[in-house]
Amino acid sequence: ENIDSPRSFTAKILQILAKKEIVHSIKGIGGGFEIPKENIKK
């Protein structure tokens, strides 16, 4: 989903979430961020 947020701001937020192990970062081509299933509450 596209959000209207500066790229640097979004990167900082994702970096904080990765440090707290809320999201996992995936390096390399096709990399990105994912939320582990155990961190998703229904």
C-alpha atoms as a PDB file:
ATOM      1  CA  GLU A   1       0.000   0.000   0.000  1.00  0.00           C
ATOM      2  CA  ASN A   2       1.302   3.432  -0.873  1.00  0.00           C
ATOM      3  CA  ILE A   3       1.516   6.027   1.898  1.00  0.00           C
ATOM      4  CA  ASP A   4       2.375   9.703   1.616  1.00  0.00           C
ATOM      5  CA  SER A   5       5.408   9.678   3.905  1.00  0.00           C
ATOM      6  CA  PRO A   6       8.980  10.865   3.319  1.00  0.00           C
ATOM      7  CA  ARG A   7      11.273   7.935   2.525  1.00  0.00           C
ATOM      8  CA  SER A   8      13.795   8.840   5.262  1.00  0.00           C
ATOM      9  CA  PHE A   9      11.053   9.033   7.915  1.00  0.00           C
ATOM     10  CA  THR A  10       9.628   5.652   6.913  1.00  0.00           C
ATOM     11  CA  ALA A  11      13.127   4.126   6.943  1.00  0.00           C
ATOM     12  CA  LYS A  12      13.752   5.377  10.499  1.00  0.00           C
ATOM     13  CA  ILE A  13      10.447   3.948  11.733  1.00  0.00           C
ATOM     14  CA  LEU A  14      11.176   0.561  10.134  1.00  0.00           C
ATOM     15  CA  GLN A  15      14.702   0.592  11.601  1.00  0.00           C
ATOM     16  CA  ILE A  16      13.290   1.124  15.115  1.00  0.00           C
ATOM     17  CA  LEU A  17      10.718  -1.652  14.623  1.00  0.00           C
ATOM     18  CA  ALA A  18      13.460  -4.016  13.409  1.00  0.00           C
ATOM     19  CA  LYS A  19      15.638  -3.259  16.461  1.00  0.00           C
ATOM     20  CA  LYS A  20      12.691  -4.097  18.725  1.00  0.00           C
ATOM     21  CA  GLU A  21      12.156  -7.294  16.683  1.00  0.00           C
ATOM     22  CA  ILE A  22       8.629  -6.276  15.727  1.00  0.00           C
ATOM     23  CA  VAL A  23       9.498  -6.604  12.030  1.00  0.00           C
ATOM     24  CA  HIS A  24      12.277  -8.543  10.299  1.00  0.00           C
ATOM     25  CA  SER A  25      14.426  -6.967   7.630  1.00  0.00           C
ATOM     26  CA  ILE A  26      15.352  -8.967   4.547  1.00  0.00           C
ATOM     27  CA  LYS A  27      18.511  -7.877   2.756  1.00  0.00           C
ATOM     28  CA  GLY A  28      19.361  -8.105  -0.928  1.00  0.00           C
ATOM     29  CA  ILE A  29      17.446  -7.962  -4.171  1.00  0.00           C
ATOM     30  CA  GLY A  30      13.747  -8.259  -3.470  1.00  0.00           C
ATOM     31  CA  GLY A  31      14.383  -7.586   0.215  1.00  0.00           C
ATOM     32  CA  GLY A  32      12.243  -5.516   2.496  1.00  0.00           C
ATOM     33  CA  PHE A  33      10.453  -5.906   5.786  1.00  0.00           C
ATOM     34  CA  GLU A  34       8.027  -8.499   7.068  1.00  0.00           C
ATOM     35  CA  ILE A  35       5.999  -8.953  10.223  1.00  0.00           C
ATOM     36  CA  PRO A  36       6.526 -12.408  11.772  1.00  0.00           C
ATOM     37  CA  LYS A  37       3.284 -14.347  12.250  1.00  0.00           C
ATOM     38  CA  GLU A  38       3.791 -14.466  16.027  1.00  0.00           C
ATOM     39  CA  ASN A  39       3.754 -10.632  16.105  1.00  0.00           C
ATOM     40  CA  ILE A  40       0.377 -10.362  14.366  1.00  0.00           C
ATOM     41  CA  LYS A  41      -2.606 -10.145  16.703  1.00  0.00           C
ATOM     42  CA  LYS A  42      -6.056 -10.899  15.342  1.00  0.00           C
END
